[in-house]
Amino acid sequence: CFNCGGYGHLASSCWSPAWCFNCGGLRHTAADCSTPRRCGNCYGTDHKWWNCSEPEFCKHFTGSGFYLAKDCAECRLKKIFTNCHTCGGMYHFAED
């Protein structure tokens, strides 16, 4: 989802508030962000989210904020069905 960064749905059907992949702020997208570009996971300035070595944060908004993906049942389930480590897609491997 290009609105919240979650998986399994499109932005057009997303009920979560917009989430900025650049600064982590709510209610705006990276395209509208005035903050200098940085990692959407840990907010470091020396890499992008796809090269981040920090623990992955869950993008499922809980109403009280975001939390680590390892603590989210939905994120753990997603990992089971995600095969491609390049794009995160299902039913294929990066080598395909």
C-alpha atoms as a PDB file:
ATOM      1  CA  CYS A   1       0.000   0.000   0.000  1.00  0.00           C
ATOM      2  CA  PHE A   2       1.421   3.372  -1.010  1.00  0.00           C
ATOM      3  CA  ASN A   3      -0.661   5.073   1.688  1.00  0.00           C
ATOM      4  CA  CYS A   4       0.399   3.267   4.883  1.00  0.00           C
ATOM      5  CA  GLY A   5       3.221   0.955   3.730  1.00  0.00           C
ATOM      6  CA  GLY A   6       1.238  -2.123   4.739  1.00  0.00           C
ATOM      7  CA  TYR A   7       0.813  -5.306   2.763  1.00  0.00           C
ATOM      8  CA  GLY A   8      -2.217  -7.078   1.346  1.00  0.00           C
ATOM      9  CA  HIS A   9      -4.195  -4.063   0.158  1.00  0.00           C
ATOM     10  CA  LEU A  10      -4.005  -1.041  -2.140  1.00  0.00           C
ATOM     11  CA  ALA A  11      -3.941   2.628  -1.208  1.00  0.00           C
ATOM     12  CA  SER A  12      -7.388   3.070  -2.753  1.00  0.00           C
ATOM     13  CA  SER A  13      -8.887   0.742  -0.130  1.00  0.00           C
ATOM     14  CA  CYS A  14      -6.643   1.723   2.804  1.00  0.00           C
ATOM     15  CA  TRP A  15      -8.315   2.793   6.047  1.00  0.00           C
ATOM     16  CA  SER A  16      -5.072   3.804   7.811  1.00  0.00           C
ATOM     17  CA  PRO A  17      -3.835   7.390   7.951  1.00  0.00           C
ATOM     18  CA  ALA A  18      -1.255   8.293   5.314  1.00  0.00           C
ATOM     19  CA  TRP A  19       2.257   7.368   6.422  1.00  0.00           C
ATOM     20  CA  CYS A  20       5.367   9.065   5.059  1.00  0.00           C
ATOM     21  CA  PHE A  21       8.036   6.578   3.933  1.00  0.00           C
ATOM     22  CA  ASN A  22      10.625   9.330   4.278  1.00  0.00           C
ATOM     23  CA  CYS A  23      10.205  10.802   7.769  1.00  0.00           C
ATOM     24  CA  GLY A  24       7.738   8.397   9.367  1.00  0.00           C
ATOM     25  CA  GLY A  25       5.196  11.148   9.907  1.00  0.00           C
ATOM     26  CA  LEU A  26       1.473  10.606   9.622  1.00  0.00           C
ATOM     27  CA  ARG A  27      -1.034  12.340   7.376  1.00  0.00           C
ATOM     28  CA  HIS A  28       1.322  13.079   4.497  1.00  0.00           C
ATOM     29  CA  THR A  29       3.229  11.025   1.909  1.00  0.00           C
ATOM     30  CA  ALA A  30       6.906  11.029   0.934  1.00  0.00           C
ATOM     31  CA  ALA A  31       6.025  12.998  -2.207  1.00  0.00           C
ATOM     32  CA  ASP A  32       4.705  15.823  -0.017  1.00  0.00           C
ATOM     33  CA  CYS A  33       7.432  15.600   2.643  1.00  0.00           C
ATOM     34  CA  SER A  34       9.673  18.602   3.277  1.00  0.00           C
ATOM     35  CA  THR A  35      12.194  16.590   5.342  1.00  0.00           C
ATOM     36  CA  PRO A  36      15.449  15.607   3.564  1.00  0.00           C
ATOM     37  CA  ARG A  37      15.303  12.038   2.228  1.00  0.00           C
ATOM     38  CA  ARG A  38      16.103   9.278   4.710  1.00  0.00           C
ATOM     39  CA  CYS A  39      15.332   5.643   5.573  1.00  0.00           C
ATOM     40  CA  GLY A  40      11.619   4.957   6.017  1.00  0.00           C
ATOM     41  CA  ASN A  41      12.295   2.287   8.652  1.00  0.00           C
ATOM     42  CA  CYS A  42      14.902   3.715  11.061  1.00  0.00           C
ATOM     43  CA  TYR A  43      15.071   7.272   9.625  1.00  0.00           C
ATOM     44  CA  GLY A  44      18.843   7.143   9.137  1.00  0.00           C
ATOM     45  CA  THR A  45      20.230   9.492   6.480  1.00  0.00           C
ATOM     46  CA  ASP A  46      22.979   7.250   5.089  1.00  0.00           C
ATOM     47  CA  HIS A  47      20.766   4.590   3.445  1.00  0.00           C
ATOM     48  CA  LYS A  48      17.262   3.865   2.132  1.00  0.00           C
ATOM     49  CA  TRP A  49      14.694   1.490   3.668  1.00  0.00           C
ATOM     50  CA  TRP A  50      15.555  -1.402   1.337  1.00  0.00           C
ATOM     51  CA  ASN A  51      19.154  -1.402   2.662  1.00  0.00           C
ATOM     52  CA  CYS A  52      18.274  -0.941   6.341  1.00  0.00           C
ATOM     53  CA  SER A  53      19.915  -3.325   8.818  1.00  0.00           C
ATOM     54  CA  GLU A  54      17.765  -2.207  11.770  1.00  0.00           C
ATOM     55  CA  PRO A  55      14.787  -4.320  12.955  1.00  0.00           C
ATOM     56  CA  GLU A  56      11.801  -3.825  10.673  1.00  0.00           C
ATOM     57  CA  PHE A  57       8.994  -1.733  12.117  1.00  0.00           C
ATOM     58  CA  CYS A  58       5.444  -2.842  11.566  1.00  0.00           C
ATOM     59  CA  LYS A  59       3.450  -0.550   9.290  1.00  0.00           C
ATOM     60  CA  HIS A  60       0.084  -1.601  10.720  1.00  0.00           C
ATOM     61  CA  PHE A  61      -1.245   1.427  12.550  1.00  0.00           C
ATOM     62  CA  THR A  62      -2.624   0.420  15.958  1.00  0.00           C
ATOM     63  CA  GLY A  63      -4.095   3.738  16.989  1.00  0.00           C
ATOM     64  CA  SER A  64      -1.283   4.241  19.484  1.00  0.00           C
ATOM     65  CA  GLY A  65       1.594   4.060  17.025  1.00  0.00           C
ATOM     66  CA  PHE A  66       3.763   1.570  15.184  1.00  0.00           C
ATOM     67  CA  TYR A  67       5.724  -1.325  16.669  1.00  0.00           C
ATOM     68  CA  LEU A  68       8.352  -3.863  15.622  1.00  0.00           C
ATOM     69  CA  ALA A  69       7.239  -6.256  12.885  1.00  0.00           C
ATOM     70  CA  LYS A  70       8.526  -9.225  14.898  1.00  0.00           C
ATOM     71  CA  ASP A  71       5.855  -8.424  17.511  1.00  0.00           C
ATOM     72  CA  CYS A  72       3.019  -8.290  14.966  1.00  0.00           C
ATOM     73  CA  ALA A  73       1.147 -11.499  14.099  1.00  0.00           C
ATOM     74  CA  GLU A  74       0.080 -10.070  10.731  1.00  0.00           C
ATOM     75  CA  CYS A  75       3.679  -9.197   9.785  1.00  0.00           C
ATOM     76  CA  ARG A  76       4.936 -12.631  10.842  1.00  0.00           C
ATOM     77  CA  LEU A  77       2.238 -14.273   8.727  1.00  0.00           C
ATOM     78  CA  LYS A  78       3.176 -12.072   5.767  1.00  0.00           C
ATOM     79  CA  LYS A  79       6.781 -13.279   5.999  1.00  0.00           C
ATOM     80  CA  ILE A  80       5.621 -16.886   5.667  1.00  0.00           C
ATOM     81  CA  PHE A  81       3.956 -16.129   2.334  1.00  0.00           C
ATOM     82  CA  THR A  82       6.609 -13.741   1.009  1.00  0.00           C
ATOM     83  CA  ASN A  83       9.162 -15.490  -1.166  1.00  0.00           C
ATOM     84  CA  CYS A  84      11.127 -12.817  -3.019  1.00  0.00           C
ATOM     85  CA  HIS A  85      13.748 -11.023  -0.934  1.00  0.00           C
ATOM     86  CA  THR A  86      14.207  -8.390  -3.662  1.00  0.00           C
ATOM     87  CA  CYS A  87      10.678  -7.059  -4.108  1.00  0.00           C
ATOM     88  CA  GLY A  88       8.815  -8.772  -1.263  1.00  0.00           C
ATOM     89  CA  GLY A  89       6.470 -10.358  -3.783  1.00  0.00           C
ATOM     90  CA  MET A  90       4.742 -13.683  -3.468  1.00  0.00           C
ATOM     91  CA  TYR A  91       4.966 -16.858  -5.524  1.00  0.00           C
ATOM     92  CA  HIS A  92       8.399 -16.184  -7.015  1.00  0.00           C
ATOM     93  CA  PHE A  93      12.025 -15.953  -5.915  1.00  0.00           C
ATOM     94  CA  ALA A  94      14.524 -13.166  -6.618  1.00  0.00           C
ATOM     95  CA  GLU A  95      16.418 -15.440  -8.998  1.00  0.00           C
ATOM     96  CA  ASP A  96      13.323 -15.842 -11.208  1.00  0.00           C
END
